[in-house]
Structure formats: C-alpha cells, structure tokens
C-alpha cells in the first residue's frame, strides 16, 4: 500500500513537471493550457485531448513501473529532426526505497515542488527560445529489460508504443551542450536535470 501511495505522488509530480516544461518551452501554443493551482502554486496544464491522452498512457505505464520498482527515469525529449535532440529533461529516481515523506500533510513535499516549479521557470526562461511551431517532443521511460518484455506483451498496455531504445544516438558535431541540474525533491528521491543543445 505504501508503494502505491508513493507511486501516485511521484507520478502526479511528473505530470505537473511535464506539463510545465511543455508550457514554459512553448512546445504547444499557450492557449491549450489552463492555469491551475497545485502545490499551492500556479501551474499550467494541457486541455488538449490528444496531448492529454498521450500523457495519460505514459503516466499509467510509469505508475505501474514505479509500483514494481522498475522505473529508472522518465525522459522528455524535444527535437526538430527525429534523431537530433534539442533538449532533454530527465526525471530520475535516485532511491527505490519504500519510505514515504515523513510529513503527514506533505507540506515539505509541496514546498519542494513549489521550489522546483519556480527553478524550472527561472532557468528555462534564460535558455534560448525554441523555433516556434516546428518542435516536437516524445517521452521515454527507462526501465529494465524484463519490464520491457512484460509490458510489450501485456494487453492492458498495448495502446502505449513499447520500443527498445537505440544504444547510440547521433548528435551533430560542434554543438554546445548545457547541463542544468534543475531540481531535487529529497523526500521522494526524485532528481531532474535538463540537457539543452544549442
């Protein structure tokens, strides 16, 4: 039961962060987002059904992998051409322990999430703007080989495209790469880094 609650908390945090990044970086027009209060902070969430369905499938899979302690990382990748990353946001799980945050009302967790949202906004507003209207994104779930095989054969998860990632990725030479450690939510062992190629 405790693992289920922790998985729910982490998946909700990932959903908020993914929506916030898509909004701040302008991957979609701002009018498909509405402002909502989460963690006692204003955030923007998508109201665009195709995007919401895609994210729901990813988050459902991530939640099950978290419950089984098989999720290593959720990675949001921004690109123009399929094999050329412009930006990558990795939400990594540093610990796979069973412990929940010690604060019964999750006040410290909320404060950590407010700080994360603020840091993302501040740091990404300083990053070079993405080309308007021609950037795309995809989400990768990093897991074990066994989990990949089980999920790709499970009829409950057939709507989500399960593909094994390529071991090598091509990147154009002589590009500047910036790695921004964005935030860390200590109570949950959740760490987020951003890789921006310019």
N, C-alpha and C. Protein backbone atom coordinates (compact mmCIF):
# COMPACT_ATOMS: atom_id res chain seq x y z
N UNK A 1 0.82 -1.20 0.00
CA UNK A 1 0.00 0.00 0.00
C UNK A 1 0.87 1.26 0.00
N UNK A 2 1.92 1.27 0.79
CA UNK A 2 2.80 2.43 0.87
C UNK A 2 3.48 2.68 -0.48
N UNK A 3 3.88 1.62 -1.19
CA UNK A 3 4.49 1.76 -2.51
C UNK A 3 3.50 2.38 -3.50
N UNK A 4 2.22 2.02 -3.40
CA UNK A 4 1.19 2.59 -4.27
C UNK A 4 1.02 4.09 -4.03
N UNK A 5 1.01 4.49 -2.77
CA UNK A 5 0.85 5.90 -2.43
C UNK A 5 2.05 6.70 -2.94
N UNK A 6 3.25 6.16 -2.73
CA UNK A 6 4.46 6.85 -3.19
C UNK A 6 4.46 6.96 -4.72
N UNK A 7 4.05 5.89 -5.41
CA UNK A 7 3.98 5.91 -6.87
C UNK A 7 2.99 6.98 -7.34
N UNK A 8 1.85 7.08 -6.67
CA UNK A 8 0.85 8.10 -7.02
C UNK A 8 1.41 9.51 -6.87
N UNK A 9 2.14 9.74 -5.77
CA UNK A 9 2.71 11.06 -5.51
C UNK A 9 3.76 11.41 -6.57
N UNK A 10 4.62 10.45 -6.89
CA UNK A 10 5.68 10.70 -7.88
C UNK A 10 5.09 10.93 -9.26
N UNK A 11 4.12 10.13 -9.66
CA UNK A 11 3.51 10.28 -10.99
C UNK A 11 2.80 11.62 -11.11
N UNK A 12 2.12 12.05 -10.05
CA UNK A 12 1.49 13.37 -10.08
C UNK A 12 2.54 14.46 -10.26
N UNK A 13 3.66 14.34 -9.55
CA UNK A 13 4.74 15.32 -9.68
C UNK A 13 5.31 15.31 -11.10
N UNK A 14 5.49 14.13 -11.68
CA UNK A 14 5.99 14.03 -13.06
C UNK A 14 5.02 14.67 -14.04
N UNK A 15 3.73 14.44 -13.85
CA UNK A 15 2.72 15.03 -14.73
C UNK A 15 2.77 16.55 -14.68
N UNK A 16 2.87 17.11 -13.48
CA UNK A 16 2.96 18.55 -13.31
C UNK A 16 4.21 19.08 -14.01
N UNK A 17 5.34 18.42 -13.81
CA UNK A 17 6.60 18.88 -14.39
C UNK A 17 6.59 18.80 -15.91
N UNK A 18 6.05 17.71 -16.47
CA UNK A 18 5.98 17.58 -17.93
C UNK A 18 5.11 18.68 -18.52
N UNK A 19 3.93 18.90 -17.96
CA UNK A 19 3.05 19.97 -18.44
C UNK A 19 3.73 21.32 -18.33
N UNK A 20 4.40 21.55 -17.22
CA UNK A 20 5.05 22.85 -17.00
C UNK A 20 6.17 23.09 -18.03
N UNK A 21 6.95 22.06 -18.30
CA UNK A 21 8.03 22.19 -19.30
C UNK A 21 7.45 22.47 -20.69
N UNK A 22 6.42 21.73 -21.08
CA UNK A 22 5.80 21.94 -22.38
C UNK A 22 5.27 23.37 -22.51
N UNK A 23 4.71 23.90 -21.43
CA UNK A 23 4.20 25.27 -21.44
C UNK A 23 5.34 26.29 -21.49
N UNK A 24 6.30 26.16 -20.58
CA UNK A 24 7.38 27.16 -20.48
C UNK A 24 8.22 27.20 -21.76
N UNK A 25 8.47 26.03 -22.37
CA UNK A 25 9.31 25.99 -23.57
C UNK A 25 8.51 26.26 -24.84
N UNK A 26 7.21 26.40 -24.75
CA UNK A 26 6.40 26.77 -25.92
C UNK A 26 6.30 25.67 -26.97
N UNK A 27 6.33 24.42 -26.54
CA UNK A 27 6.21 23.30 -27.49
C UNK A 27 4.82 23.32 -28.13
N UNK A 28 3.82 23.70 -27.35
CA UNK A 28 2.45 23.87 -27.85
C UNK A 28 2.06 25.33 -27.61
N UNK A 29 1.08 25.82 -28.35
CA UNK A 29 0.61 27.20 -28.12
C UNK A 29 0.06 27.35 -26.69
N UNK A 30 0.25 28.50 -26.12
CA UNK A 30 -0.16 28.72 -24.72
C UNK A 30 -1.67 28.60 -24.51
N UNK A 31 -2.47 28.79 -25.57
CA UNK A 31 -3.92 28.72 -25.39
C UNK A 31 -4.45 27.32 -25.15
N UNK A 32 -3.63 26.27 -25.31
CA UNK A 32 -4.12 24.92 -25.00
C UNK A 32 -3.83 24.55 -23.54
N UNK A 33 -3.34 25.50 -22.77
CA UNK A 33 -3.07 25.27 -21.35
C UNK A 33 -3.98 26.16 -20.52
N UNK A 34 -4.38 25.65 -19.37
CA UNK A 34 -5.13 26.49 -18.43
C UNK A 34 -4.38 26.51 -17.11
N UNK A 35 -4.53 27.61 -16.41
CA UNK A 35 -3.86 27.74 -15.13
C UNK A 35 -4.65 26.99 -14.06
N UNK A 36 -3.90 26.33 -13.19
CA UNK A 36 -4.48 25.55 -12.11
C UNK A 36 -3.55 25.70 -10.91
N UNK A 37 -4.07 25.56 -9.71
CA UNK A 37 -3.23 25.62 -8.51
C UNK A 37 -2.92 24.20 -8.06
N UNK A 38 -1.62 23.94 -7.99
CA UNK A 38 -1.13 22.66 -7.44
C UNK A 38 0.06 23.00 -6.57
N UNK A 39 0.19 22.29 -5.49
CA UNK A 39 1.30 22.53 -4.55
C UNK A 39 1.30 23.99 -4.10
N UNK A 40 0.11 24.56 -4.00
CA UNK A 40 -0.07 25.95 -3.59
C UNK A 40 0.72 26.90 -4.50
N UNK A 41 0.74 26.57 -5.79
CA UNK A 41 1.46 27.36 -6.78
C UNK A 41 0.69 27.32 -8.09
N UNK A 42 0.70 28.41 -8.87
CA UNK A 42 0.03 28.37 -10.18
C UNK A 42 0.87 27.57 -11.17
N UNK A 43 0.22 26.62 -11.84
CA UNK A 43 0.88 25.86 -12.90
C UNK A 43 -0.05 25.83 -14.10
N UNK A 44 0.50 25.45 -15.24
CA UNK A 44 -0.30 25.35 -16.45
C UNK A 44 -0.40 23.89 -16.87
N UNK A 45 -1.63 23.44 -17.14
CA UNK A 45 -1.86 22.06 -17.56
C UNK A 45 -2.60 22.06 -18.90
N UNK A 46 -2.33 21.06 -19.68
CA UNK A 46 -2.92 20.95 -21.01
C UNK A 46 -4.42 20.68 -20.93
N UNK A 47 -5.17 21.28 -21.86
CA UNK A 47 -6.59 20.97 -22.03
C UNK A 47 -6.82 20.41 -23.44
N UNK A 48 -5.75 20.00 -24.11
CA UNK A 48 -5.79 19.49 -25.48
C UNK A 48 -5.92 17.96 -25.42
N UNK A 49 -7.09 17.39 -25.80
CA UNK A 49 -7.33 15.95 -25.61
C UNK A 49 -6.27 15.02 -26.21
N UNK A 50 -5.77 15.22 -27.44
CA UNK A 50 -4.74 14.29 -27.93
C UNK A 50 -3.48 14.28 -27.07
N UNK A 51 -3.05 15.44 -26.62
CA UNK A 51 -1.88 15.52 -25.74
C UNK A 51 -2.18 14.86 -24.40
N UNK A 52 -3.35 15.13 -23.85
CA UNK A 52 -3.72 14.54 -22.56
C UNK A 52 -3.80 13.02 -22.64
N UNK A 53 -4.31 12.49 -23.74
CA UNK A 53 -4.39 11.02 -23.91
C UNK A 53 -2.99 10.41 -23.99
N UNK A 54 -2.09 11.06 -24.72
CA UNK A 54 -0.71 10.58 -24.82
C UNK A 54 -0.05 10.55 -23.45
N UNK A 55 -0.18 11.66 -22.72
CA UNK A 55 0.44 11.74 -21.40
C UNK A 55 -0.20 10.76 -20.42
N UNK A 56 -1.51 10.55 -20.52
CA UNK A 56 -2.18 9.60 -19.63
C UNK A 56 -1.65 8.18 -19.84
N UNK A 57 -1.42 7.78 -21.09
CA UNK A 57 -0.86 6.46 -21.37
C UNK A 57 0.54 6.30 -20.80
N UNK A 58 1.34 7.33 -20.94
CA UNK A 58 2.71 7.30 -20.42
C UNK A 58 2.69 7.21 -18.89
N UNK A 59 1.88 8.05 -18.28
CA UNK A 59 1.86 8.11 -16.82
C UNK A 59 1.27 6.85 -16.20
N UNK A 60 0.32 6.23 -16.88
CA UNK A 60 -0.23 4.96 -16.40
C UNK A 60 0.87 3.89 -16.39
N UNK A 61 1.65 3.85 -17.45
CA UNK A 61 2.76 2.90 -17.53
C UNK A 61 3.83 3.22 -16.49
N UNK A 62 4.15 4.50 -16.33
CA UNK A 62 5.15 4.91 -15.35
C UNK A 62 4.72 4.53 -13.94
N UNK A 63 3.44 4.71 -13.66
CA UNK A 63 2.92 4.38 -12.33
C UNK A 63 3.07 2.89 -12.03
N UNK A 64 2.75 2.06 -13.01
CA UNK A 64 2.89 0.61 -12.80
C UNK A 64 4.36 0.23 -12.63
N UNK A 65 5.24 0.82 -13.42
CA UNK A 65 6.67 0.55 -13.28
C UNK A 65 7.18 1.01 -11.92
N UNK A 66 6.69 2.14 -11.44
CA UNK A 66 7.08 2.63 -10.11
C UNK A 66 6.64 1.66 -9.02
N UNK A 67 5.42 1.18 -9.13
CA UNK A 67 4.91 0.24 -8.11
C UNK A 67 5.76 -1.02 -8.05
N UNK A 68 6.28 -1.42 -9.19
CA UNK A 68 7.12 -2.63 -9.25
C UNK A 68 8.60 -2.32 -9.03
N UNK A 69 8.90 -1.03 -8.81
CA UNK A 69 10.28 -0.55 -8.62
C UNK A 69 11.14 -0.85 -9.85
N UNK A 70 10.57 -0.62 -11.02
CA UNK A 70 11.29 -0.87 -12.27
C UNK A 70 11.48 0.38 -13.12
N UNK A 71 10.99 1.52 -12.66
CA UNK A 71 11.19 2.76 -13.41
C UNK A 71 12.48 3.41 -12.95
N UNK A 72 13.38 3.65 -13.89
CA UNK A 72 14.65 4.30 -13.57
C UNK A 72 14.58 5.79 -13.86
N UNK A 73 13.84 6.15 -14.93
CA UNK A 73 13.86 7.55 -15.36
C UNK A 73 12.71 7.79 -16.34
N UNK A 74 12.12 8.98 -16.26
CA UNK A 74 11.20 9.47 -17.29
C UNK A 74 11.95 10.59 -17.98
N UNK A 75 12.06 10.50 -19.31
CA UNK A 75 12.82 11.49 -20.08
C UNK A 75 11.92 12.14 -21.12
N UNK A 76 11.82 13.46 -21.07
CA UNK A 76 11.09 14.23 -22.06
C UNK A 76 12.13 14.79 -23.03
N UNK A 77 11.96 14.46 -24.32
CA UNK A 77 12.93 14.85 -25.35
C UNK A 77 12.26 15.82 -26.32
N UNK A 78 12.89 16.95 -26.55
CA UNK A 78 12.41 17.95 -27.51
C UNK A 78 13.32 17.87 -28.73
N UNK A 79 12.72 17.84 -29.92
CA UNK A 79 13.51 17.70 -31.15
C UNK A 79 12.81 18.37 -32.32
N UNK A 80 13.59 18.66 -33.38
CA UNK A 80 13.04 19.08 -34.67
C UNK A 80 13.12 17.92 -35.63
N UNK A 81 14.31 17.33 -35.73
CA UNK A 81 14.51 16.13 -36.54
C UNK A 81 14.61 14.95 -35.59
N UNK A 82 14.08 13.82 -36.00
CA UNK A 82 13.92 12.66 -35.12
C UNK A 82 15.15 12.30 -34.29
N UNK A 83 16.32 12.26 -34.85
CA UNK A 83 17.50 11.81 -34.11
C UNK A 83 18.40 12.95 -33.63
N UNK A 84 17.88 14.15 -33.59
CA UNK A 84 18.68 15.29 -33.12
C UNK A 84 17.97 15.97 -31.96
N UNK A 85 18.39 15.65 -30.75
CA UNK A 85 17.80 16.26 -29.55
C UNK A 85 18.15 17.73 -29.49
N UNK A 86 17.16 18.53 -29.19
CA UNK A 86 17.41 19.94 -28.86
C UNK A 86 17.50 20.09 -27.34
N UNK A 87 16.61 19.38 -26.66
CA UNK A 87 16.58 19.43 -25.20
C UNK A 87 16.14 18.08 -24.66
N UNK A 88 16.62 17.77 -23.48
CA UNK A 88 16.23 16.54 -22.81
C UNK A 88 16.05 16.84 -21.32
N UNK A 89 14.94 16.41 -20.77
CA UNK A 89 14.65 16.62 -19.35
C UNK A 89 14.49 15.24 -18.71
N UNK A 90 15.39 14.91 -17.81
CA UNK A 90 15.36 13.59 -17.18
C UNK A 90 14.89 13.72 -15.74
N UNK A 91 13.85 12.97 -15.43
CA UNK A 91 13.36 12.87 -14.05
C UNK A 91 13.78 11.49 -13.57
N UNK A 92 14.86 11.47 -12.80
CA UNK A 92 15.45 10.21 -12.36
C UNK A 92 15.07 9.91 -10.92
N UNK A 93 14.93 8.63 -10.64
CA UNK A 93 14.67 8.19 -9.28
C UNK A 93 15.99 7.73 -8.69
N UNK A 94 16.44 8.44 -7.68
CA UNK A 94 17.73 8.13 -7.08
C UNK A 94 17.63 6.99 -6.08
N UNK A 95 16.50 6.88 -5.42
CA UNK A 95 16.33 5.80 -4.45
C UNK A 95 15.05 5.07 -4.77
N UNK A 96 15.06 3.79 -4.52
CA UNK A 96 13.87 2.99 -4.75
C UNK A 96 13.31 2.46 -3.43
N UNK A 97 13.57 3.19 -2.36
CA UNK A 97 13.10 2.77 -1.04
C UNK A 97 11.59 2.82 -0.93
N UNK A 98 11.09 2.25 0.14
CA UNK A 98 9.65 2.21 0.37
C UNK A 98 9.14 3.39 1.17
N UNK A 99 10.03 4.21 1.69
CA UNK A 99 9.59 5.23 2.62
C UNK A 99 8.85 6.37 1.93
N UNK A 100 7.83 6.82 2.59
CA UNK A 100 7.09 7.99 2.16
C UNK A 100 7.69 9.21 2.84
N UNK A 101 7.38 10.40 2.35
CA UNK A 101 7.81 11.58 3.08
C UNK A 101 7.31 11.51 4.52
N UNK A 102 8.12 11.97 5.46
CA UNK A 102 7.77 11.84 6.88
C UNK A 102 6.67 12.81 7.30
N UNK A 103 6.46 13.86 6.57
CA UNK A 103 5.44 14.86 6.87
C UNK A 103 4.07 14.31 6.47
N UNK A 104 3.19 14.10 7.44
CA UNK A 104 1.87 13.52 7.18
C UNK A 104 1.03 14.33 6.20
N UNK A 105 1.17 15.64 6.23
CA UNK A 105 0.37 16.50 5.36
C UNK A 105 1.12 16.89 4.09
N UNK A 106 2.28 16.35 3.89
CA UNK A 106 3.11 16.59 2.70
C UNK A 106 3.45 18.07 2.50
N UNK A 107 3.53 18.82 3.58
CA UNK A 107 3.84 20.25 3.48
C UNK A 107 5.26 20.47 2.94
N UNK A 108 6.22 19.69 3.41
CA UNK A 108 7.60 19.83 2.92
C UNK A 108 7.69 19.44 1.45
N UNK A 109 6.95 18.40 1.08
CA UNK A 109 6.92 17.97 -0.32
C UNK A 109 6.35 19.08 -1.19
N UNK A 110 5.23 19.68 -0.75
CA UNK A 110 4.63 20.79 -1.51
C UNK A 110 5.62 21.95 -1.65
N UNK A 111 6.32 22.25 -0.58
CA UNK A 111 7.30 23.33 -0.63
C UNK A 111 8.42 22.99 -1.61
N UNK A 112 8.87 21.74 -1.62
CA UNK A 112 9.90 21.31 -2.57
C UNK A 112 9.40 21.44 -4.00
N UNK A 113 8.15 21.04 -4.24
CA UNK A 113 7.60 21.12 -5.60
C UNK A 113 7.43 22.58 -6.04
N UNK A 114 7.02 23.46 -5.13
CA UNK A 114 6.93 24.89 -5.47
C UNK A 114 8.30 25.41 -5.89
N UNK A 115 9.31 25.00 -5.15
CA UNK A 115 10.68 25.42 -5.46
C UNK A 115 11.12 24.89 -6.82
N UNK A 116 10.79 23.64 -7.10
CA UNK A 116 11.14 23.01 -8.39
C UNK A 116 10.48 23.77 -9.54
N UNK A 117 9.20 24.05 -9.42
CA UNK A 117 8.46 24.74 -10.47
C UNK A 117 9.06 26.13 -10.71
N UNK A 118 9.37 26.83 -9.62
CA UNK A 118 9.97 28.15 -9.74
C UNK A 118 11.34 28.07 -10.42
N UNK A 119 12.18 27.11 -10.01
CA UNK A 119 13.52 26.97 -10.59
C UNK A 119 13.44 26.64 -12.08
N UNK A 120 12.52 25.76 -12.45
CA UNK A 120 12.36 25.41 -13.86
C UNK A 120 12.01 26.67 -14.66
N UNK A 121 11.04 27.42 -14.17
CA UNK A 121 10.63 28.64 -14.89
C UNK A 121 11.79 29.61 -15.03
N UNK A 122 12.50 29.85 -13.94
CA UNK A 122 13.60 30.80 -13.96
C UNK A 122 14.72 30.36 -14.90
N UNK A 123 15.13 29.12 -14.80
CA UNK A 123 16.26 28.65 -15.61
C UNK A 123 15.89 28.49 -17.07
N UNK A 124 14.70 28.03 -17.35
CA UNK A 124 14.32 27.82 -18.75
C UNK A 124 13.98 29.12 -19.45
N UNK A 125 13.57 30.13 -18.72
CA UNK A 125 13.33 31.43 -19.34
C UNK A 125 14.65 32.06 -19.81
N UNK A 126 15.77 31.64 -19.22
CA UNK A 126 17.08 32.14 -19.63
C UNK A 126 17.65 31.36 -20.82
N UNK A 127 17.09 30.19 -21.09
CA UNK A 127 17.57 29.36 -22.21
C UNK A 127 17.14 29.97 -23.53
N UNK A 128 17.89 29.71 -24.61
CA UNK A 128 17.49 30.22 -25.92
C UNK A 128 16.09 29.72 -26.30
N UNK A 129 15.32 30.57 -26.93
CA UNK A 129 13.97 30.19 -27.35
C UNK A 129 14.03 29.10 -28.41
N UNK A 130 13.07 28.21 -28.38
CA UNK A 130 12.96 27.17 -29.39
C UNK A 130 12.30 27.74 -30.64
N UNK A 131 12.61 27.19 -31.82
CA UNK A 131 11.93 27.65 -33.04
C UNK A 131 10.42 27.43 -32.92
N UNK A 132 9.66 28.47 -33.16
CA UNK A 132 8.21 28.41 -32.97
C UNK A 132 7.54 27.48 -33.97
N UNK A 133 6.67 26.62 -33.45
CA UNK A 133 5.81 25.79 -34.28
C UNK A 133 6.44 24.60 -34.98
N UNK A 134 7.73 24.36 -34.82
CA UNK A 134 8.33 23.23 -35.55
C UNK A 134 9.03 22.23 -34.62
N UNK A 135 8.89 22.40 -33.33
CA UNK A 135 9.49 21.46 -32.39
C UNK A 135 8.46 20.42 -31.97
N UNK A 136 8.94 19.23 -31.71
CA UNK A 136 8.12 18.11 -31.26
C UNK A 136 8.71 17.58 -29.97
N UNK A 137 7.97 16.70 -29.32
CA UNK A 137 8.52 16.07 -28.13
C UNK A 137 8.06 14.62 -28.07
N UNK A 138 8.79 13.85 -27.31
CA UNK A 138 8.41 12.47 -27.02
C UNK A 138 8.89 12.17 -25.61
N UNK A 139 8.32 11.13 -25.03
CA UNK A 139 8.70 10.74 -23.68
C UNK A 139 9.21 9.31 -23.71
N UNK A 140 10.36 9.12 -23.09
CA UNK A 140 10.93 7.78 -22.92
C UNK A 140 10.83 7.38 -21.46
N UNK A 141 10.45 6.14 -21.23
CA UNK A 141 10.50 5.57 -19.89
C UNK A 141 11.68 4.61 -19.86
N UNK A 142 12.63 4.84 -18.98
CA UNK A 142 13.80 3.98 -18.86
C UNK A 142 13.49 2.93 -17.80
N UNK A 143 13.63 1.67 -18.18
CA UNK A 143 13.30 0.57 -17.28
C UNK A 143 14.23 -0.60 -17.54
N UNK A 144 13.90 -1.75 -16.98
CA UNK A 144 14.72 -2.94 -17.15
C UNK A 144 14.28 -3.72 -18.39
N UNK A 145 15.14 -4.61 -18.84
CA UNK A 145 14.82 -5.47 -19.99
C UNK A 145 13.60 -6.35 -19.69
N UNK A 146 13.54 -6.87 -18.48
CA UNK A 146 12.42 -7.75 -18.09
C UNK A 146 11.10 -6.99 -18.11
N UNK A 147 11.12 -5.76 -17.60
CA UNK A 147 9.89 -4.95 -17.59
C UNK A 147 9.47 -4.62 -19.02
N UNK A 148 10.43 -4.31 -19.88
CA UNK A 148 10.13 -4.02 -21.29
C UNK A 148 9.41 -5.21 -21.93
N UNK A 149 9.93 -6.40 -21.74
CA UNK A 149 9.32 -7.60 -22.33
C UNK A 149 7.91 -7.82 -21.78
N UNK A 150 7.76 -7.71 -20.46
CA UNK A 150 6.46 -7.94 -19.83
C UNK A 150 5.43 -6.91 -20.31
N UNK A 151 5.80 -5.63 -20.35
CA UNK A 151 4.86 -4.59 -20.77
C UNK A 151 4.51 -4.67 -22.25
N UNK A 152 5.47 -5.03 -23.07
CA UNK A 152 5.19 -5.10 -24.51
C UNK A 152 4.25 -6.25 -24.84
N UNK A 153 4.10 -7.21 -23.93
CA UNK A 153 3.21 -8.35 -24.15
C UNK A 153 1.92 -8.26 -23.35
N UNK A 154 1.78 -7.29 -22.49
CA UNK A 154 0.61 -7.13 -21.63
C UNK A 154 -0.46 -6.36 -22.39
N UNK A 155 -1.63 -6.98 -22.59
CA UNK A 155 -2.70 -6.35 -23.37
C UNK A 155 -3.20 -5.05 -22.74
N UNK A 156 -3.07 -4.92 -21.43
CA UNK A 156 -3.50 -3.71 -20.74
C UNK A 156 -2.69 -2.49 -21.16
N UNK A 157 -1.46 -2.69 -21.66
CA UNK A 157 -0.57 -1.59 -22.02
C UNK A 157 -0.29 -1.54 -23.52
N UNK A 158 -1.15 -2.13 -24.33
CA UNK A 158 -0.92 -2.18 -25.77
C UNK A 158 -1.14 -0.85 -26.47
N UNK A 159 -1.89 0.06 -25.88
CA UNK A 159 -2.11 1.36 -26.52
C UNK A 159 -0.84 2.20 -26.52
N UNK A 160 0.05 1.94 -25.59
CA UNK A 160 1.30 2.69 -25.49
C UNK A 160 2.35 1.99 -26.33
N UNK A 161 3.06 2.71 -27.21
CA UNK A 161 4.05 2.07 -28.08
C UNK A 161 5.33 1.71 -27.32
N UNK A 162 5.56 0.43 -27.11
CA UNK A 162 6.75 -0.04 -26.42
C UNK A 162 7.82 -0.38 -27.42
N UNK A 163 8.90 0.39 -27.42
CA UNK A 163 10.03 0.17 -28.31
C UNK A 163 11.30 0.19 -27.48
N UNK A 164 12.24 -0.64 -27.86
CA UNK A 164 13.52 -0.62 -27.17
C UNK A 164 14.37 0.50 -27.76
N UNK A 165 14.94 1.32 -26.91
CA UNK A 165 15.73 2.47 -27.37
C UNK A 165 17.02 2.01 -28.01
N UNK A 166 17.47 2.79 -28.98
CA UNK A 166 18.76 2.54 -29.62
C UNK A 166 19.87 2.84 -28.61
N UNK A 167 20.95 2.10 -28.69
CA UNK A 167 22.07 2.30 -27.75
C UNK A 167 22.85 3.57 -28.05
N UNK A 168 22.95 3.95 -29.32
CA UNK A 168 23.69 5.15 -29.68
C UNK A 168 22.75 6.14 -30.33
N UNK A 169 22.97 7.39 -30.03
CA UNK A 169 22.18 8.46 -30.62
C UNK A 169 23.11 9.38 -31.39
N UNK A 170 22.68 9.79 -32.56
CA UNK A 170 23.53 10.70 -33.33
C UNK A 170 23.28 12.13 -32.88
N UNK A 171 24.35 12.87 -32.73
CA UNK A 171 24.25 14.29 -32.44
C UNK A 171 25.16 15.01 -33.41
N UNK A 172 24.71 16.15 -33.85
CA UNK A 172 25.53 16.93 -34.77
C UNK A 172 26.80 17.38 -34.06
N UNK A 173 27.95 17.32 -34.74
CA UNK A 173 29.19 17.74 -34.10
C UNK A 173 29.23 19.24 -33.86
N UNK A 174 30.13 19.65 -32.98
CA UNK A 174 30.39 21.06 -32.67
C UNK A 174 29.16 21.83 -32.20
N UNK A 175 28.38 21.21 -31.37
CA UNK A 175 27.26 21.92 -30.78
C UNK A 175 27.57 22.12 -29.30
N UNK A 176 27.07 23.20 -28.77
CA UNK A 176 27.27 23.48 -27.36
C UNK A 176 26.19 22.76 -26.56
N UNK A 177 26.62 22.07 -25.53
CA UNK A 177 25.69 21.34 -24.68
C UNK A 177 25.73 21.95 -23.30
N UNK A 178 24.57 22.28 -22.76
CA UNK A 178 24.47 22.80 -21.41
C UNK A 178 23.69 21.81 -20.56
N UNK A 179 24.23 21.44 -19.42
CA UNK A 179 23.54 20.56 -18.50
C UNK A 179 23.15 21.38 -17.29
N UNK A 180 21.84 21.50 -17.07
CA UNK A 180 21.34 22.27 -15.94
C UNK A 180 20.75 21.33 -14.90
N UNK A 181 21.35 21.21 -13.73
CA UNK A 181 20.67 20.46 -12.68
C UNK A 181 19.52 21.32 -12.18
N UNK A 182 18.31 20.94 -12.51
CA UNK A 182 17.18 21.81 -12.24
C UNK A 182 16.68 21.72 -10.81
N UNK A 183 16.47 20.51 -10.34
CA UNK A 183 15.83 20.41 -9.04
C UNK A 183 15.96 19.01 -8.48
N UNK A 184 15.72 18.95 -7.18
CA UNK A 184 15.73 17.67 -6.49
C UNK A 184 14.65 17.71 -5.42
N UNK A 185 13.80 16.69 -5.40
CA UNK A 185 12.79 16.55 -4.36
C UNK A 185 13.30 15.43 -3.44
N UNK A 186 13.93 15.83 -2.35
CA UNK A 186 14.64 14.90 -1.47
C UNK A 186 13.75 13.81 -0.90
N UNK A 187 12.55 14.17 -0.44
CA UNK A 187 11.70 13.19 0.23
C UNK A 187 11.39 11.98 -0.64
N UNK A 188 11.30 12.19 -1.96
CA UNK A 188 10.93 11.10 -2.86
C UNK A 188 12.11 10.55 -3.63
N UNK A 189 13.28 11.14 -3.51
CA UNK A 189 14.43 10.68 -4.28
C UNK A 189 14.29 10.98 -5.76
N UNK A 190 13.59 12.04 -6.09
CA UNK A 190 13.35 12.43 -7.49
C UNK A 190 14.29 13.56 -7.85
N UNK A 191 15.07 13.37 -8.92
CA UNK A 191 16.04 14.37 -9.35
C UNK A 191 15.75 14.72 -10.80
N UNK A 192 15.87 15.99 -11.16
CA UNK A 192 15.59 16.40 -12.53
C UNK A 192 16.74 17.21 -13.07
N UNK A 193 17.20 16.82 -14.27
CA UNK A 193 18.26 17.53 -14.98
C UNK A 193 17.74 17.91 -16.36
N UNK A 194 18.30 18.98 -16.91
CA UNK A 194 17.95 19.40 -18.27
C UNK A 194 19.20 19.45 -19.10
N UNK A 195 19.14 18.91 -20.30
CA UNK A 195 20.23 18.96 -21.27
C UNK A 195 19.74 19.82 -22.43
N UNK A 196 20.42 20.93 -22.69
CA UNK A 196 20.00 21.84 -23.76
C UNK A 196 21.14 21.95 -24.76
N UNK A 197 20.85 21.56 -26.00
CA UNK A 197 21.85 21.61 -27.07
C UNK A 197 21.56 22.86 -27.90
N UNK A 198 22.59 23.69 -28.11
CA UNK A 198 22.35 24.91 -28.89
C UNK A 198 23.42 25.07 -29.94
